[in-house]
Amino acid sequence: MILYNVTVSIDKSVHLAWLDWMRNAHIPDVMATGCFKECRISRVHGEEEGGMTFAISYIAPTQEDFDEYQEKHATSLQNDHSAKFNGKFAAFRTMLTVIEEFKP
């Protein structure tokens, strides 16, 4: 299982519009690729002044699913985000391989 985490620091002046767009357009578009089985948005606390930071975590069942996303979909979806919020955000992406899960 692959955890793909996108951390975005978004300008406070547009964060509500950004959250709305993420919930109603971007995340549904990413999920429609069929490469991920779930997604979560989390607020990162302790961000710098002037921005709000969020972590968007996607779960891909396999490395192959994640690779397909990267090869066929990531560039256009990231470009959509950049065009809509140009100059109002900073982002970094992390790909993690889940080694083991612990549940009660």
PDB file of N, CA and C in Angstrom:
ATOM      1  N   MET A   1       0.854  -1.167   0.000  1.00  0.00           N
ATOM      2  CA  MET A   1       0.000   0.000   0.000  1.00  0.00           C
ATOM      3  C   MET A   1       0.904   1.236   0.000  1.00  0.00           C
ATOM      4  N   ILE A   2       0.495   2.249  -0.780  1.00  0.00           N
ATOM      5  CA  ILE A   2       1.266   3.466  -0.916  1.00  0.00           C
ATOM      6  C   ILE A   2       0.473   4.640  -0.352  1.00  0.00           C
ATOM      7  N   LEU A   3       1.122   5.421   0.493  1.00  0.00           N
ATOM      8  CA  LEU A   3       0.548   6.654   1.014  1.00  0.00           C
ATOM      9  C   LEU A   3       1.202   7.806   0.258  1.00  0.00           C
ATOM     10  N   TYR A   4       0.397   8.553  -0.457  1.00  0.00           N
ATOM     11  CA  TYR A   4       0.867   9.708  -1.211  1.00  0.00           C
ATOM     12  C   TYR A   4       0.340  10.936  -0.499  1.00  0.00           C
ATOM     13  N   ASN A   5       1.253  11.721   0.063  1.00  0.00           N
ATOM     14  CA  ASN A   5       0.871  12.874   0.862  1.00  0.00           C
ATOM     15  C   ASN A   5       1.283  14.155   0.142  1.00  0.00           C
ATOM     16  N   VAL A   6       0.325  15.055  -0.022  1.00  0.00           N
ATOM     17  CA  VAL A   6       0.590  16.360  -0.615  1.00  0.00           C
ATOM     18  C   VAL A   6       0.345  17.396   0.479  1.00  0.00           C
ATOM     19  N   THR A   7       1.392  18.114   0.859  1.00  0.00           N
ATOM     20  CA  THR A   7       1.282  19.149   1.879  1.00  0.00           C
ATOM     21  C   THR A   7       1.247  20.496   1.170  1.00  0.00           C
ATOM     22  N   VAL A   8       0.206  21.272   1.471  1.00  0.00           N
ATOM     23  CA  VAL A   8      -0.005  22.558   0.805  1.00  0.00           C
ATOM     24  C   VAL A   8      -0.153  23.652   1.849  1.00  0.00           C
ATOM     25  N   SER A   9       0.662  24.680   1.722  1.00  0.00           N
ATOM     26  CA  SER A   9       0.487  25.896   2.517  1.00  0.00           C
ATOM     27  C   SER A   9      -0.188  26.909   1.602  1.00  0.00           C
ATOM     28  N   ILE A  10      -1.383  27.319   1.976  1.00  0.00           N
ATOM     29  CA  ILE A  10      -2.207  28.175   1.126  1.00  0.00           C
ATOM     30  C   ILE A  10      -2.433  29.520   1.806  1.00  0.00           C
ATOM     31  N   ASP A  11      -2.394  30.572   1.050  1.00  0.00           N
ATOM     32  CA  ASP A  11      -2.609  31.922   1.572  1.00  0.00           C
ATOM     33  C   ASP A  11      -3.976  31.996   2.253  1.00  0.00           C
ATOM     34  N   LYS A  12      -4.015  32.615   3.440  1.00  0.00           N
ATOM     35  CA  LYS A  12      -5.272  32.709   4.193  1.00  0.00           C
ATOM     36  C   LYS A  12      -6.376  33.394   3.394  1.00  0.00           C
ATOM     37  N   SER A  13      -6.009  34.307   2.511  1.00  0.00           N
ATOM     38  CA  SER A  13      -7.016  35.053   1.750  1.00  0.00           C
ATOM     39  C   SER A  13      -7.807  34.183   0.781  1.00  0.00           C
ATOM     40  N   VAL A  14      -7.276  33.013   0.432  1.00  0.00           N
ATOM     41  CA  VAL A  14      -7.966  32.135  -0.525  1.00  0.00           C
ATOM     42  C   VAL A  14      -8.218  30.736   0.027  1.00  0.00           C
ATOM     43  N   HIS A  15      -7.921  30.521   1.308  1.00  0.00           N
ATOM     44  CA  HIS A  15      -7.988  29.145   1.814  1.00  0.00           C
ATOM     45  C   HIS A  15      -9.395  28.553   1.771  1.00  0.00           C
ATOM     46  N   LEU A  16     -10.428  29.349   1.977  1.00  0.00           N
ATOM     47  CA  LEU A  16     -11.788  28.795   1.923  1.00  0.00           C
ATOM     48  C   LEU A  16     -12.166  28.415   0.496  1.00  0.00           C
ATOM     49  N   ALA A  17     -11.821  29.243  -0.463  1.00  0.00           N
ATOM     50  CA  ALA A  17     -12.074  28.911  -1.870  1.00  0.00           C
ATOM     51  C   ALA A  17     -11.264  27.686  -2.277  1.00  0.00           C
ATOM     52  N   TRP A  18     -10.031  27.604  -1.785  1.00  0.00           N
ATOM     53  CA  TRP A  18      -9.172  26.449  -2.082  1.00  0.00           C
ATOM     54  C   TRP A  18      -9.778  25.165  -1.517  1.00  0.00           C
ATOM     55  N   LEU A  19     -10.204  25.206  -0.251  1.00  0.00           N
ATOM     56  CA  LEU A  19     -10.819  24.018   0.355  1.00  0.00           C
ATOM     57  C   LEU A  19     -12.064  23.590  -0.415  1.00  0.00           C
ATOM     58  N   ASP A  20     -12.879  24.545  -0.802  1.00  0.00           N
ATOM     59  CA  ASP A  20     -14.081  24.232  -1.573  1.00  0.00           C
ATOM     60  C   ASP A  20     -13.710  23.569  -2.895  1.00  0.00           C
ATOM     61  N   TRP A  21     -12.729  24.131  -3.592  1.00  0.00           N
ATOM     62  CA  TRP A  21     -12.288  23.570  -4.870  1.00  0.00           C
ATOM     63  C   TRP A  21     -11.684  22.184  -4.683  1.00  0.00           C
ATOM     64  N   MET A  22     -10.890  22.012  -3.634  1.00  0.00           N
ATOM     65  CA  MET A  22     -10.299  20.696  -3.361  1.00  0.00           C
ATOM     66  C   MET A  22     -11.388  19.658  -3.122  1.00  0.00           C
ATOM     67  N   ARG A  23     -12.366  20.001  -2.293  1.00  0.00           N
ATOM     68  CA  ARG A  23     -13.433  19.055  -1.936  1.00  0.00           C
ATOM     69  C   ARG A  23     -14.346  18.727  -3.118  1.00  0.00           C
ATOM     70  N   ASN A  24     -14.643  19.719  -3.935  1.00  0.00           N
ATOM     71  CA  ASN A  24     -15.673  19.556  -4.960  1.00  0.00           C
ATOM     72  C   ASN A  24     -15.154  19.365  -6.373  1.00  0.00           C
ATOM     73  N   ALA A  25     -13.870  19.597  -6.598  1.00  0.00           N
ATOM     74  CA  ALA A  25     -13.321  19.449  -7.949  1.00  0.00           C
ATOM     75  C   ALA A  25     -12.052  18.603  -7.959  1.00  0.00           C
ATOM     76  N   HIS A  26     -11.010  19.077  -7.304  1.00  0.00           N
ATOM     77  CA  HIS A  26      -9.702  18.432  -7.442  1.00  0.00           C
ATOM     78  C   HIS A  26      -9.669  17.007  -6.886  1.00  0.00           C
ATOM     79  N   ILE A  27     -10.058  16.833  -5.643  1.00  0.00           N
ATOM     80  CA  ILE A  27     -10.020  15.484  -5.057  1.00  0.00           C
ATOM     81  C   ILE A  27     -10.944  14.532  -5.807  1.00  0.00           C
ATOM     82  N   PRO A  28     -12.180  14.931  -6.157  1.00  0.00           N
ATOM     83  CA  PRO A  28     -12.996  14.021  -6.984  1.00  0.00           C
ATOM     84  C   PRO A  28     -12.319  13.659  -8.307  1.00  0.00           C
ATOM     85  N   ASP A  29     -11.612  14.625  -8.926  1.00  0.00           N
ATOM     86  CA  ASP A  29     -10.894  14.324 -10.171  1.00  0.00           C
ATOM     87  C   ASP A  29      -9.765  13.328  -9.934  1.00  0.00           C
ATOM     88  N   VAL A  30      -9.023  13.502  -8.845  1.00  0.00           N
ATOM     89  CA  VAL A  30      -7.940  12.559  -8.527  1.00  0.00           C
ATOM     90  C   VAL A  30      -8.521  11.175  -8.255  1.00  0.00           C
ATOM     91  N   MET A  31      -9.590  11.115  -7.475  1.00  0.00           N
ATOM     92  CA  MET A  31     -10.187   9.824  -7.141  1.00  0.00           C
ATOM     93  C   MET A  31     -10.786   9.155  -8.379  1.00  0.00           C
ATOM     94  N   ALA A  32     -11.261   9.938  -9.330  1.00  0.00           N
ATOM     95  CA  ALA A  32     -11.849   9.390 -10.558  1.00  0.00           C
ATOM     96  C   ALA A  32     -10.810   8.695 -11.440  1.00  0.00           C
ATOM     97  N   THR A  33      -9.529   8.910 -11.184  1.00  0.00           N
ATOM     98  CA  THR A  33      -8.499   8.202 -11.952  1.00  0.00           C
ATOM     99  C   THR A  33      -8.525   6.708 -11.659  1.00  0.00           C
ATOM    100  N   GLY A  34      -9.104   6.310 -10.523  1.00  0.00           N
ATOM    101  CA  GLY A  34      -9.140   4.904 -10.130  1.00  0.00           C
ATOM    102  C   GLY A  34      -7.845   4.405  -9.516  1.00  0.00           C
ATOM    103  N   CYS A  35      -6.902   5.310  -9.292  1.00  0.00           N
ATOM    104  CA  CYS A  35      -5.584   4.911  -8.770  1.00  0.00           C
ATOM    105  C   CYS A  35      -5.521   4.892  -7.243  1.00  0.00           C
ATOM    106  N   PHE A  36      -6.501   5.502  -6.593  1.00  0.00           N
ATOM    107  CA  PHE A  36      -6.498   5.589  -5.132  1.00  0.00           C
ATOM    108  C   PHE A  36      -7.805   5.043  -4.578  1.00  0.00           C
ATOM    109  N   LYS A  37      -7.730   4.480  -3.362  1.00  0.00           N
ATOM    110  CA  LYS A  37      -8.938   3.927  -2.756  1.00  0.00           C
ATOM    111  C   LYS A  37      -9.539   4.829  -1.689  1.00  0.00           C
ATOM    112  N   GLU A  38      -8.775   5.807  -1.194  1.00  0.00           N
ATOM    113  CA  GLU A  38      -9.311   6.749  -0.222  1.00  0.00           C
ATOM    114  C   GLU A  38      -8.444   7.986  -0.160  1.00  0.00           C
ATOM    115  N   CYS A  39      -9.009   9.031   0.451  1.00  0.00           N
ATOM    116  CA  CYS A  39      -8.308  10.299   0.595  1.00  0.00           C
ATOM    117  C   CYS A  39      -8.768  10.965   1.888  1.00  0.00           C
ATOM    118  N   ARG A  40      -7.844  11.697   2.512  1.00  0.00           N
ATOM    119  CA  ARG A  40      -8.165  12.479   3.711  1.00  0.00           C
ATOM    120  C   ARG A  40      -7.521  13.847   3.579  1.00  0.00           C
ATOM    121  N   ILE A  41      -8.230  14.866   4.073  1.00  0.00           N
ATOM    122  CA  ILE A  41      -7.640  16.197   4.222  1.00  0.00           C
ATOM    123  C   ILE A  41      -7.438  16.418   5.707  1.00  0.00           C
ATOM    124  N   SER A  42      -6.243  16.836   6.070  1.00  0.00           N
ATOM    125  CA  SER A  42      -5.931  17.140   7.467  1.00  0.00           C
ATOM    126  C   SER A  42      -5.363  18.546   7.555  1.00  0.00           C
ATOM    127  N   ARG A  43      -5.652  19.223   8.627  1.00  0.00           N
ATOM    128  CA  ARG A  43      -5.072  20.544   8.892  1.00  0.00           C
ATOM    129  C   ARG A  43      -3.772  20.342   9.651  1.00  0.00           C
ATOM    130  N   VAL A  44      -2.717  20.981   9.192  1.00  0.00           N
ATOM    131  CA  VAL A  44      -1.426  20.947   9.885  1.00  0.00           C
ATOM    132  C   VAL A  44      -1.390  22.165  10.796  1.00  0.00           C
ATOM    133  N   HIS A  45      -1.192  21.941  12.072  1.00  0.00           N
ATOM    134  CA  HIS A  45      -1.162  23.037  13.032  1.00  0.00           C
ATOM    135  C   HIS A  45       0.261  23.540  13.213  1.00  0.00           C
ATOM    136  N   GLY A  46       0.376  24.832  13.503  1.00  0.00           N
ATOM    137  CA  GLY A  46       1.685  25.423  13.726  1.00  0.00           C
ATOM    138  C   GLY A  46       2.282  26.009  12.462  1.00  0.00           C
ATOM    139  N   GLU A  47       1.444  26.338  11.478  1.00  0.00           N
ATOM    140  CA  GLU A  47       1.940  26.883  10.223  1.00  0.00           C
ATOM    141  C   GLU A  47       2.466  28.305  10.414  1.00  0.00           C
ATOM    142  N   GLU A  48       3.173  28.778   9.424  1.00  0.00           N
ATOM    143  CA  GLU A  48       3.739  30.118   9.466  1.00  0.00           C
ATOM    144  C   GLU A  48       2.661  31.165   9.278  1.00  0.00           C
ATOM    145  N   GLU A  49       2.971  32.383   9.713  1.00  0.00           N
ATOM    146  CA  GLU A  49       2.056  33.502   9.577  1.00  0.00           C
ATOM    147  C   GLU A  49       1.704  33.755   8.110  1.00  0.00           C
ATOM    148  N   GLY A  50       0.432  34.053   7.854  1.00  0.00           N
ATOM    149  CA  GLY A  50      -0.001  34.393   6.508  1.00  0.00           C
ATOM    150  C   GLY A  50      -0.537  33.226   5.706  1.00  0.00           C
ATOM    151  N   GLY A  51      -0.347  32.024   6.191  1.00  0.00           N
ATOM    152  CA  GLY A  51      -0.813  30.857   5.446  1.00  0.00           C
ATOM    153  C   GLY A  51      -1.438  29.831   6.358  1.00  0.00           C
ATOM    154  N   MET A  52      -2.125  28.904   5.749  1.00  0.00           N
ATOM    155  CA  MET A  52      -2.685  27.762   6.465  1.00  0.00           C
ATOM    156  C   MET A  52      -2.181  26.525   5.737  1.00  0.00           C
ATOM    157  N   THR A  53      -1.832  25.507   6.496  1.00  0.00           N
ATOM    158  CA  THR A  53      -1.232  24.322   5.890  1.00  0.00           C
ATOM    159  C   THR A  53      -2.143  23.122   6.058  1.00  0.00           C
ATOM    160  N   PHE A  54      -2.259  22.373   4.965  1.00  0.00           N
ATOM    161  CA  PHE A  54      -3.094  21.182   4.931  1.00  0.00           C
ATOM    162  C   PHE A  54      -2.292  20.031   4.343  1.00  0.00           C
ATOM    163  N   ALA A  55      -2.611  18.814   4.785  1.00  0.00           N
ATOM    164  CA  ALA A  55      -2.030  17.600   4.218  1.00  0.00           C
ATOM    165  C   ALA A  55      -3.163  16.806   3.584  1.00  0.00           C
ATOM    166  N   ILE A  56      -2.991  16.494   2.318  1.00  0.00           N
ATOM    167  CA  ILE A  56      -3.964  15.679   1.602  1.00  0.00           C
ATOM    168  C   ILE A  56      -3.316  14.317   1.399  1.00  0.00           C
ATOM    169  N   SER A  57      -3.896  13.289   1.989  1.00  0.00           N
ATOM    170  CA  SER A  57      -3.313  11.949   1.973  1.00  0.00           C
ATOM    171  C   SER A  57      -4.170  11.017   1.134  1.00  0.00           C
ATOM    172  N   TYR A  58      -3.550  10.461   0.128  1.00  0.00           N
ATOM    173  CA  TYR A  58      -4.214   9.504  -0.760  1.00  0.00           C
ATOM    174  C   TYR A  58      -3.620   8.126  -0.523  1.00  0.00           C
ATOM    175  N   ILE A  59      -4.449   7.093  -0.581  1.00  0.00           N
ATOM    176  CA  ILE A  59      -3.981   5.717  -0.423  1.00  0.00           C
ATOM    177  C   ILE A  59      -4.139   4.987  -1.755  1.00  0.00           C
ATOM    178  N   ALA A  60      -3.008   4.517  -2.292  1.00  0.00           N
ATOM    179  CA  ALA A  60      -3.017   3.682  -3.492  1.00  0.00           C
ATOM    180  C   ALA A  60      -2.815   2.236  -3.056  1.00  0.00           C
ATOM    181  N   PRO A  61      -3.608   1.317  -3.573  1.00  0.00           N
ATOM    182  CA  PRO A  61      -3.471  -0.083  -3.163  1.00  0.00           C
ATOM    183  C   PRO A  61      -2.107  -0.690  -3.480  1.00  0.00           C
ATOM    184  N   THR A  62      -1.517  -0.289  -4.627  1.00  0.00           N
ATOM    185  CA  THR A  62      -0.247  -0.890  -5.043  1.00  0.00           C
ATOM    186  C   THR A  62       0.684   0.178  -5.619  1.00  0.00           C
ATOM    187  N   GLN A  63       1.950  -0.176  -5.730  1.00  0.00           N
ATOM    188  CA  GLN A  63       2.921   0.704  -6.372  1.00  0.00           C
ATOM    189  C   GLN A  63       2.534   0.949  -7.830  1.00  0.00           C
ATOM    190  N   GLU A  64       1.998  -0.073  -8.479  1.00  0.00           N
ATOM    191  CA  GLU A  64       1.579   0.050  -9.868  1.00  0.00           C
ATOM    192  C   GLU A  64       0.464   1.087 -10.024  1.00  0.00           C
ATOM    193  N   ASP A  65      -0.479   1.107  -9.081  1.00  0.00           N
ATOM    194  CA  ASP A  65      -1.548   2.110  -9.121  1.00  0.00           C
ATOM    195  C   ASP A  65      -0.963   3.513  -8.989  1.00  0.00           C
ATOM    196  N   PHE A  66      -0.050   3.688  -8.057  1.00  0.00           N
ATOM    197  CA  PHE A  66       0.581   4.991  -7.870  1.00  0.00           C
ATOM    198  C   PHE A  66       1.378   5.389  -9.120  1.00  0.00           C
ATOM    199  N   ASP A  67       2.128   4.448  -9.674  1.00  0.00           N
ATOM    200  CA  ASP A  67       2.909   4.726 -10.882  1.00  0.00           C
ATOM    201  C   ASP A  67       2.002   5.145 -12.036  1.00  0.00           C
ATOM    202  N   GLU A  68       0.860   4.485 -12.168  1.00  0.00           N
ATOM    203  CA  GLU A  68      -0.093   4.862 -13.214  1.00  0.00           C
ATOM    204  C   GLU A  68      -0.566   6.297 -13.015  1.00  0.00           C
ATOM    205  N   TYR A  69      -0.874   6.649 -11.772  1.00  0.00           N
ATOM    206  CA  TYR A  69      -1.288   8.021 -11.477  1.00  0.00           C
ATOM    207  C   TYR A  69      -0.194   9.010 -11.896  1.00  0.00           C
ATOM    208  N   GLN A  70       1.029   8.715 -11.510  1.00  0.00           N
ATOM    209  CA  GLN A  70       2.149   9.614 -11.823  1.00  0.00           C
ATOM    210  C   GLN A  70       2.342   9.754 -13.339  1.00  0.00           C
ATOM    211  N   GLU A  71       2.264   8.648 -14.044  1.00  0.00           N
ATOM    212  CA  GLU A  71       2.539   8.643 -15.481  1.00  0.00           C
ATOM    213  C   GLU A  71       1.413   9.252 -16.316  1.00  0.00           C
ATOM    214  N   LYS A  72       0.159   8.997 -15.921  1.00  0.00           N
ATOM    215  CA  LYS A  72      -0.966   9.370 -16.784  1.00  0.00           C
ATOM    216  C   LYS A  72      -1.766  10.585 -16.319  1.00  0.00           C
ATOM    217  N   HIS A  73      -1.717  10.919 -15.027  1.00  0.00           N
ATOM    218  CA  HIS A  73      -2.657  11.908 -14.502  1.00  0.00           C
ATOM    219  C   HIS A  73      -2.033  13.064 -13.719  1.00  0.00           C
ATOM    220  N   ALA A  74      -0.935  12.823 -13.037  1.00  0.00           N
ATOM    221  CA  ALA A  74      -0.421  13.801 -12.073  1.00  0.00           C
ATOM    222  C   ALA A  74      -0.128  15.161 -12.695  1.00  0.00           C
ATOM    223  N   THR A  75       0.543  15.180 -13.819  1.00  0.00           N
ATOM    224  CA  THR A  75       0.960  16.458 -14.404  1.00  0.00           C
ATOM    225  C   THR A  75      -0.226  17.362 -14.705  1.00  0.00           C
ATOM    226  N   SER A  76      -1.252  16.845 -15.363  1.00  0.00           N
ATOM    227  CA  SER A  76      -2.389  17.706 -15.720  1.00  0.00           C
ATOM    228  C   SER A  76      -3.160  18.158 -14.481  1.00  0.00           C
ATOM    229  N   LEU A  77      -3.320  17.272 -13.506  1.00  0.00           N
ATOM    230  CA  LEU A  77      -4.041  17.654 -12.287  1.00  0.00           C
ATOM    231  C   LEU A  77      -3.248  18.683 -11.479  1.00  0.00           C
ATOM    232  N   GLN A  78      -1.934  18.520 -11.402  1.00  0.00           N
ATOM    233  CA  GLN A  78      -1.101  19.498 -10.700  1.00  0.00           C
ATOM    234  C   GLN A  78      -1.104  20.835 -11.437  1.00  0.00           C
ATOM    235  N   ASN A  79      -1.111  20.793 -12.765  1.00  0.00           N
ATOM    236  CA  ASN A  79      -1.164  22.031 -13.543  1.00  0.00           C
ATOM    237  C   ASN A  79      -2.475  22.779 -13.319  1.00  0.00           C
ATOM    238  N   ASP A  80      -3.583  22.047 -13.191  1.00  0.00           N
ATOM    239  CA  ASP A  80      -4.870  22.682 -12.892  1.00  0.00           C
ATOM    240  C   ASP A  80      -4.795  23.436 -11.567  1.00  0.00           C
ATOM    241  N   HIS A  81      -4.208  22.792 -10.563  1.00  0.00           N
ATOM    242  CA  HIS A  81      -4.056  23.409  -9.242  1.00  0.00           C
ATOM    243  C   HIS A  81      -3.190  24.659  -9.341  1.00  0.00           C
ATOM    244  N   SER A  82      -2.078  24.545 -10.022  1.00  0.00           N
ATOM    245  CA  SER A  82      -1.160  25.682 -10.154  1.00  0.00           C
ATOM    246  C   SER A  82      -1.817  26.856 -10.882  1.00  0.00           C
ATOM    247  N   ALA A  83      -2.563  26.570 -11.927  1.00  0.00           N
ATOM    248  CA  ALA A  83      -3.216  27.636 -12.685  1.00  0.00           C
ATOM    249  C   ALA A  83      -4.263  28.356 -11.838  1.00  0.00           C
ATOM    250  N   LYS A  84      -5.013  27.601 -11.052  1.00  0.00           N
ATOM    251  CA  LYS A  84      -6.096  28.188 -10.264  1.00  0.00           C
ATOM    252  C   LYS A  84      -5.580  28.998  -9.080  1.00  0.00           C
ATOM    253  N   PHE A  85      -4.482  28.573  -8.454  1.00  0.00           N
ATOM    254  CA  PHE A  85      -4.000  29.215  -7.230  1.00  0.00           C
ATOM    255  C   PHE A  85      -2.561  29.715  -7.364  1.00  0.00           C
ATOM    256  N   ASN A  86      -2.190  30.091  -8.565  1.00  0.00           N
ATOM    257  CA  ASN A  86      -0.834  30.551  -8.859  1.00  0.00           C
ATOM    258  C   ASN A  86      -0.400  31.677  -7.912  1.00  0.00           C
ATOM    259  N   GLY A  87       0.766  31.496  -7.288  1.00  0.00           N
ATOM    260  CA  GLY A  87       1.309  32.509  -6.401  1.00  0.00           C
ATOM    261  C   GLY A  87       0.706  32.548  -5.014  1.00  0.00           C
ATOM    262  N   LYS A  88      -0.260  31.681  -4.743  1.00  0.00           N
ATOM    263  CA  LYS A  88      -0.963  31.688  -3.454  1.00  0.00           C
ATOM    264  C   LYS A  88      -0.668  30.456  -2.607  1.00  0.00           C
ATOM    265  N   PHE A  89       0.238  29.580  -3.064  1.00  0.00           N
ATOM    266  CA  PHE A  89       0.493  28.350  -2.324  1.00  0.00           C
ATOM    267  C   PHE A  89       1.933  27.883  -2.527  1.00  0.00           C
ATOM    268  N   ALA A  90       2.340  27.035  -1.610  1.00  0.00           N
ATOM    269  CA  ALA A  90       3.571  26.255  -1.751  1.00  0.00           C
ATOM    270  C   ALA A  90       3.182  24.821  -1.434  1.00  0.00           C
ATOM    271  N   ALA A  91       3.765  23.860  -2.155  1.00  0.00           N
ATOM    272  CA  ALA A  91       3.393  22.460  -1.959  1.00  0.00           C
ATOM    273  C   ALA A  91       4.618  21.575  -2.035  1.00  0.00           C
ATOM    274  N   PHE A  92       4.558  20.481  -1.287  1.00  0.00           N
ATOM    275  CA  PHE A  92       5.539  19.422  -1.493  1.00  0.00           C
ATOM    276  C   PHE A  92       4.842  18.088  -1.352  1.00  0.00           C
ATOM    277  N   ARG A  93       5.396  17.113  -2.042  1.00  0.00           N
ATOM    278  CA  ARG A  93       4.772  15.795  -2.126  1.00  0.00           C
ATOM    279  C   ARG A  93       5.707  14.733  -1.557  1.00  0.00           C
ATOM    280  N   THR A  94       5.106  13.763  -0.872  1.00  0.00           N
ATOM    281  CA  THR A  94       5.863  12.667  -0.285  1.00  0.00           C
ATOM    282  C   THR A  94       5.162  11.359  -0.617  1.00  0.00           C
ATOM    283  N   MET A  95       5.933  10.370  -1.058  1.00  0.00           N
ATOM    284  CA  MET A  95       5.399   9.043  -1.314  1.00  0.00           C
ATOM    285  C   MET A  95       5.998   8.111  -0.276  1.00  0.00           C
ATOM    286  N   LEU A  96       5.132   7.380   0.432  1.00  0.00           N
ATOM    287  CA  LEU A  96       5.571   6.460   1.468  1.00  0.00           C
ATOM    288  C   LEU A  96       5.012   5.078   1.192  1.00  0.00           C
ATOM    289  N   THR A  97       5.795   4.063   1.447  1.00  0.00           N
ATOM    290  CA  THR A  97       5.316   2.689   1.370  1.00  0.00           C
ATOM    291  C   THR A  97       4.910   2.265   2.776  1.00  0.00           C
ATOM    292  N   VAL A  98       3.656   1.854   2.937  1.00  0.00           N
ATOM    293  CA  VAL A  98       3.171   1.389   4.233  1.00  0.00           C
ATOM    294  C   VAL A  98       3.755   0.002   4.474  1.00  0.00           C
ATOM    295  N   ILE A  99       4.482  -0.133   5.560  1.00  0.00           N
ATOM    296  CA  ILE A  99       5.118  -1.401   5.909  1.00  0.00           C
ATOM    297  C   ILE A  99       4.172  -2.278   6.727  1.00  0.00           C
ATOM    298  N   GLU A 100       3.463  -1.636   7.655  1.00  0.00           N
ATOM    299  CA  GLU A 100       2.584  -2.374   8.539  1.00  0.00           C
ATOM    300  C   GLU A 100       1.528  -1.438   9.094  1.00  0.00           C
ATOM    301  N   GLU A 101       0.320  -1.952   9.288  1.00  0.00           N
ATOM    302  CA  GLU A 101      -0.757  -1.185   9.903  1.00  0.00           C
ATOM    303  C   GLU A 101      -1.089  -1.800  11.255  1.00  0.00           C
ATOM    304  N   PHE A 102      -1.471  -0.934  12.181  1.00  0.00           N
ATOM    305  CA  PHE A 102      -1.900  -1.376  13.508  1.00  0.00           C
ATOM    306  C   PHE A 102      -3.275  -0.803  13.766  1.00  0.00           C
ATOM    307  N   LYS A 103      -4.231  -1.662  14.029  1.00  0.00           N
ATOM    308  CA  LYS A 103      -5.591  -1.235  14.311  1.00  0.00           C
ATOM    309  C   LYS A 103      -6.051  -1.938  15.590  1.00  0.00           C
ATOM    310  N   PRO A 104      -6.917  -1.281  16.353  1.00  0.00           N
ATOM    311  CA  PRO A 104      -7.396  -1.904  17.599  1.00  0.00           C
ATOM    312  C   PRO A 104      -8.221  -3.146  17.323  1.00  0.00           C
TER     313      PRO A 104
END
